[in-house]
C-alpha atoms as a PDB file:
ATOM      1  CA  UNK A   1       5.567  -2.298   8.239  1.00  0.00           C
ATOM      2  CA  UNK A   2       2.349  -3.801   7.046  1.00  0.00           C
ATOM      3  CA  UNK A   3       0.758  -3.542   3.607  1.00  0.00           C
ATOM      4  CA  UNK A   4      -2.723  -4.362   2.410  1.00  0.00           C
ATOM      5  CA  UNK A   5      -2.458  -4.764  -1.365  1.00  0.00           C
ATOM      6  CA  UNK A   6      -5.583  -4.862  -3.508  1.00  0.00           C
ATOM      7  CA  UNK A   7      -5.612  -5.514  -7.229  1.00  0.00           C
ATOM      8  CA  UNK A   8      -7.990  -2.908  -8.612  1.00  0.00           C
ATOM      9  CA  UNK A   9      -9.726  -1.885 -11.809  1.00  0.00           C
ATOM     10  CA  UNK A  10      -9.555   1.689 -10.470  1.00  0.00           C
ATOM     11  CA  UNK A  11      -8.915   3.518  -7.218  1.00  0.00           C
ATOM     12  CA  UNK A  12      -8.975   7.093  -5.985  1.00  0.00           C
ATOM     13  CA  UNK A  13      -8.401   9.300  -2.962  1.00  0.00           C
ATOM     14  CA  UNK A  14     -10.489  12.362  -2.242  1.00  0.00           C
ATOM     15  CA  UNK A  15      -9.806  14.924   0.458  1.00  0.00           C
ATOM     16  CA  UNK A  16     -12.419  17.439   1.541  1.00  0.00           C
ATOM     17  CA  UNK A  17     -14.691  16.415  -1.310  1.00  0.00           C
ATOM     18  CA  UNK A  18     -12.052  17.004  -4.005  1.00  0.00           C
ATOM     19  CA  UNK A  19     -10.279  14.318  -5.981  1.00  0.00           C
ATOM     20  CA  UNK A  20      -6.631  14.191  -4.916  1.00  0.00           C
ATOM     21  CA  UNK A  21      -5.309  11.253  -6.934  1.00  0.00           C
ATOM     22  CA  UNK A  22      -6.579   8.335  -8.973  1.00  0.00           C
ATOM     23  CA  UNK A  23      -5.375   5.318 -10.926  1.00  0.00           C
ATOM     24  CA  UNK A  24      -6.802   2.896 -13.429  1.00  0.00           C
ATOM     25  CA  UNK A  25      -5.890  -0.808 -13.297  1.00  0.00           C
ATOM     26  CA  UNK A  26      -3.155  -1.589 -10.807  1.00  0.00           C
ATOM     27  CA  UNK A  27      -2.620  -1.819  -7.065  1.00  0.00           C
ATOM     28  CA  UNK A  28      -4.223   0.043  -4.192  1.00  0.00           C
ATOM     29  CA  UNK A  29      -1.704  -0.232  -1.344  1.00  0.00           C
ATOM     30  CA  UNK A  30      -2.482   0.712   2.247  1.00  0.00           C
ATOM     31  CA  UNK A  31       0.758   1.294   4.181  1.00  0.00           C
ATOM     32  CA  UNK A  32       1.068   1.002   7.963  1.00  0.00           C
ATOM     33  CA  UNK A  33       4.312   1.906   9.719  1.00  0.00           C
ATOM     34  CA  UNK A  34       5.005   0.585  13.224  1.00  0.00           C
ATOM     35  CA  UNK A  35       7.591   1.501  15.832  1.00  0.00           C
ATOM     36  CA  UNK A  36      10.814  -0.324  15.091  1.00  0.00           C
ATOM     37  CA  UNK A  37      10.314  -0.386  11.314  1.00  0.00           C
ATOM     38  CA  UNK A  38      13.298   0.555   9.194  1.00  0.00           C
ATOM     39  CA  UNK A  39      14.359   1.641   5.727  1.00  0.00           C
ATOM     40  CA  UNK A  40      15.161  -2.014   5.025  1.00  0.00           C
ATOM     41  CA  UNK A  41      11.510  -2.875   5.704  1.00  0.00           C
ATOM     42  CA  UNK A  42      10.310  -0.174   3.287  1.00  0.00           C
ATOM     43  CA  UNK A  43      12.700  -1.322   0.552  1.00  0.00           C
ATOM     44  CA  UNK A  44      11.863  -5.014   1.026  1.00  0.00           C
ATOM     45  CA  UNK A  45       8.115  -4.314   0.901  1.00  0.00           C
ATOM     46  CA  UNK A  46       8.429  -2.117  -2.199  1.00  0.00           C
ATOM     47  CA  UNK A  47      10.347  -4.862  -4.004  1.00  0.00           C
ATOM     48  CA  UNK A  48       7.847  -7.503  -2.881  1.00  0.00           C
ATOM     49  CA  UNK A  49       4.808  -5.402  -3.775  1.00  0.00           C
ATOM     50  CA  UNK A  50       5.967  -4.501  -7.278  1.00  0.00           C
ATOM     51  CA  UNK A  51       7.146  -8.039  -8.094  1.00  0.00           C
ATOM     52  CA  UNK A  52       4.131  -9.935  -6.724  1.00  0.00           C
ATOM     53  CA  UNK A  53       2.557 -11.935  -9.536  1.00  0.00           C
ATOM     54  CA  UNK A  54      -1.152 -11.286  -9.052  1.00  0.00           C
ATOM     55  CA  UNK A  55      -2.185 -10.103 -12.526  1.00  0.00           C
ATOM     56  CA  UNK A  56      -3.487 -12.500 -15.165  1.00  0.00           C
ATOM     57  CA  UNK A  57      -1.352 -13.454 -18.154  1.00  0.00           C
ATOM     58  CA  UNK A  58      -2.830 -14.196 -21.597  1.00  0.00           C
ATOM     59  CA  UNK A  59      -3.979 -17.612 -20.342  1.00  0.00           C
ATOM     60  CA  UNK A  60      -5.774 -16.178 -17.312  1.00  0.00           C
ATOM     61  CA  UNK A  61      -3.159 -17.379 -14.813  1.00  0.00           C
ATOM     62  CA  UNK A  62      -1.980 -14.951 -12.117  1.00  0.00           C
ATOM     63  CA  UNK A  63       1.558 -14.809 -13.442  1.00  0.00           C
ATOM     64  CA  UNK A  64       2.279 -11.090 -13.983  1.00  0.00           C
ATOM     65  CA  UNK A  65       3.458  -8.372 -11.622  1.00  0.00           C
ATOM     66  CA  UNK A  66       2.096  -4.833 -11.649  1.00  0.00           C
ATOM     67  CA  UNK A  67       5.237  -3.936 -13.613  1.00  0.00           C
ATOM     68  CA  UNK A  68       4.612  -6.673 -16.207  1.00  0.00           C
ATOM     69  CA  UNK A  69       0.931  -5.739 -16.475  1.00  0.00           C
ATOM     70  CA  UNK A  70       1.679  -2.030 -16.931  1.00  0.00           C
ATOM     71  CA  UNK A  71      -0.476  -1.168 -13.914  1.00  0.00           C
ATOM     72  CA  UNK A  72      -0.341   1.826 -11.609  1.00  0.00           C
ATOM     73  CA  UNK A  73       0.050   2.076  -7.844  1.00  0.00           C
ATOM     74  CA  UNK A  74      -1.890   4.231  -5.413  1.00  0.00           C
ATOM     75  CA  UNK A  75      -0.271   4.165  -1.954  1.00  0.00           C
ATOM     76  CA  UNK A  76      -2.115   5.511   1.093  1.00  0.00           C
ATOM     77  CA  UNK A  77      -0.703   5.737   4.609  1.00  0.00           C
ATOM     78  CA  UNK A  78      -2.906   4.039   7.185  1.00  0.00           C
ATOM     79  CA  UNK A  79      -1.738   3.894  10.795  1.00  0.00           C
ATOM     80  CA  UNK A  80      -4.771   1.796  11.757  1.00  0.00           C
ATOM     81  CA  UNK A  81      -3.057  -1.222  10.151  1.00  0.00           C
ATOM     82  CA  UNK A  82      -0.861  -1.250  13.263  1.00  0.00           C
ATOM     83  CA  UNK A  83      -3.826  -1.533  15.626  1.00  0.00           C
ATOM     84  CA  UNK A  84      -3.677  -3.915  18.538  1.00  0.00           C
ATOM     85  CA  UNK A  85      -7.024  -5.560  19.279  1.00  0.00           C
ATOM     86  CA  UNK A  86      -5.784  -7.914  21.975  1.00  0.00           C
ATOM     87  CA  UNK A  87      -7.632  -6.206  24.847  1.00  0.00           C
ATOM     88  CA  UNK A  88     -11.117  -4.746  24.924  1.00  0.00           C
ATOM     89  CA  UNK A  89     -13.105  -3.432  22.004  1.00  0.00           C
ATOM     90  CA  UNK A  90     -11.257  -0.199  21.314  1.00  0.00           C
ATOM     91  CA  UNK A  91      -8.183  -0.722  19.127  1.00  0.00           C
ATOM     92  CA  UNK A  92      -4.922   0.548  20.545  1.00  0.00           C
ATOM     93  CA  UNK A  93      -2.522   2.344  18.230  1.00  0.00           C
ATOM     94  CA  UNK A  94       0.380   2.354  20.666  1.00  0.00           C
ATOM     95  CA  UNK A  95       2.547   0.393  18.202  1.00  0.00           C
ATOM     96  CA  UNK A  96       1.934   2.768  15.283  1.00  0.00           C
ATOM     97  CA  UNK A  97       4.982   4.860  14.479  1.00  0.00           C
ATOM     98  CA  UNK A  98       4.919   8.583  15.107  1.00  0.00           C
ATOM     99  CA  UNK A  99       5.193  11.089  12.266  1.00  0.00           C
ATOM    100  CA  UNK A 100       8.974  11.379  12.649  1.00  0.00           C
ATOM    101  CA  UNK A 101       9.432   7.726  11.604  1.00  0.00           C
ATOM    102  CA  UNK A 102       6.248   7.012   9.662  1.00  0.00           C
ATOM    103  CA  UNK A 103       6.455   9.843   7.117  1.00  0.00           C
ATOM    104  CA  UNK A 104      10.024   9.117   5.939  1.00  0.00           C
ATOM    105  CA  UNK A 105       9.349   5.353   5.688  1.00  0.00           C
ATOM    106  CA  UNK A 106       6.066   5.878   3.818  1.00  0.00           C
ATOM    107  CA  UNK A 107       7.824   8.272   1.426  1.00  0.00           C
ATOM    108  CA  UNK A 108      10.732   5.829   1.005  1.00  0.00           C
ATOM    109  CA  UNK A 109       8.298   2.998   0.225  1.00  0.00           C
ATOM    110  CA  UNK A 110       6.590   5.168  -2.425  1.00  0.00           C
ATOM    111  CA  UNK A 111       9.921   6.300  -3.889  1.00  0.00           C
ATOM    112  CA  UNK A 112      11.216   2.721  -4.113  1.00  0.00           C
ATOM    113  CA  UNK A 113       7.979   1.565  -5.762  1.00  0.00           C
ATOM    114  CA  UNK A 114       8.241   4.438  -8.231  1.00  0.00           C
ATOM    115  CA  UNK A 115      11.829   3.494  -9.133  1.00  0.00           C
ATOM    116  CA  UNK A 116      10.880  -0.146  -9.650  1.00  0.00           C
ATOM    117  CA  UNK A 117       7.652   0.661 -11.508  1.00  0.00           C
ATOM    118  CA  UNK A 118       9.295   3.215 -13.754  1.00  0.00           C
ATOM    119  CA  UNK A 119       6.519   5.769 -13.404  1.00  0.00           C
ATOM    120  CA  UNK A 120       4.834   7.942 -10.811  1.00  0.00           C
ATOM    121  CA  UNK A 121       3.237   6.325  -7.783  1.00  0.00           C
ATOM    122  CA  UNK A 122       0.067   8.156  -6.824  1.00  0.00           C
ATOM    123  CA  UNK A 123      -0.332   8.922  -3.139  1.00  0.00           C
ATOM    124  CA  UNK A 124      -2.703  10.086  -0.501  1.00  0.00           C
ATOM    125  CA  UNK A 125      -1.745  12.789   2.000  1.00  0.00           C
ATOM    126  CA  UNK A 126      -0.130  11.561   5.198  1.00  0.00           C
ATOM    127  CA  UNK A 127      -2.387  12.231   8.193  1.00  0.00           C
ATOM    128  CA  UNK A 128      -5.267  13.653   6.141  1.00  0.00           C
ATOM    129  CA  UNK A 129      -8.888  12.574   6.452  1.00  0.00           C
ATOM    130  CA  UNK A 130      -9.117  10.749   3.128  1.00  0.00           C
ATOM    131  CA  UNK A 131     -11.974   9.044   1.369  1.00  0.00           C
ATOM    132  CA  UNK A 132     -10.676   6.054  -0.572  1.00  0.00           C
ATOM    133  CA  UNK A 133     -12.717   4.493  -3.354  1.00  0.00           C
ATOM    134  CA  UNK A 134     -11.784   1.391  -5.296  1.00  0.00           C
ATOM    135  CA  UNK A 135     -13.093  -1.370  -7.472  1.00  0.00           C
ATOM    136  CA  UNK A 136     -11.335  -4.522  -6.282  1.00  0.00           C
ATOM    137  CA  UNK A 137     -10.498  -6.795  -9.201  1.00  0.00           C
ATOM    138  CA  UNK A 138     -11.027 -10.470  -8.457  1.00  0.00           C
ATOM    139  CA  UNK A 139     -11.228  -9.750  -5.582  1.00  0.00           C
ATOM    140  CA  UNK A 140      -7.509 -10.079  -4.913  1.00  0.00           C
ATOM    141  CA  UNK A 141      -6.286  -8.815  -1.539  1.00  0.00           C
ATOM    142  CA  UNK A 142      -2.887  -9.651  -0.033  1.00  0.00           C
ATOM    143  CA  UNK A 143      -1.550  -8.671   3.398  1.00  0.00           C
ATOM    144  CA  UNK A 144       2.223  -8.492   3.859  1.00  0.00           C
ATOM    145  CA  UNK A 145       4.024  -7.745   7.108  1.00  0.00           C
ATOM    146  CA  UNK A 146       7.770  -7.071   6.941  1.00  0.00           C
ATOM    147  CA  UNK A 147       8.184  -8.646  10.378  1.00  0.00           C
ATOM    148  CA  UNK A 148       6.954 -11.965   8.942  1.00  0.00           C
ATOM    149  CA  UNK A 149       9.338 -12.239   5.992  1.00  0.00           C
ATOM    150  CA  UNK A 150       8.562 -15.675   4.647  1.00  0.00           C
END
């Protein structure tokens, strides 16, 4: 699984011109699920994402997690994170997981984040044509791949 985590002032998802979900300060998390990913990957990434110290403390040092900072999480599934660009100019999505694997792992990731955060994780709609808006704070953007656990 691969995450793109952005520290945001605000973020939202609209579908068909209507607001679906929104958060204030917190994390906008794009979630890509690849073939071969497992529940262990989803749990590890949820723990890593919610504990990552990328929010400023009272001295302006990035020393607080989203939990410590009282921030929210908006998680959006995005199969294009699993794109292979090795050959040609058209990305291949052959490594992206199908719905039967991707939906349960995306939902597990969100559920684990919600348990760790202690409040609702806002979500997009799996497979929908979504318009995502955000105000990146910093900017701070982190990419984490569960296959590269370091």
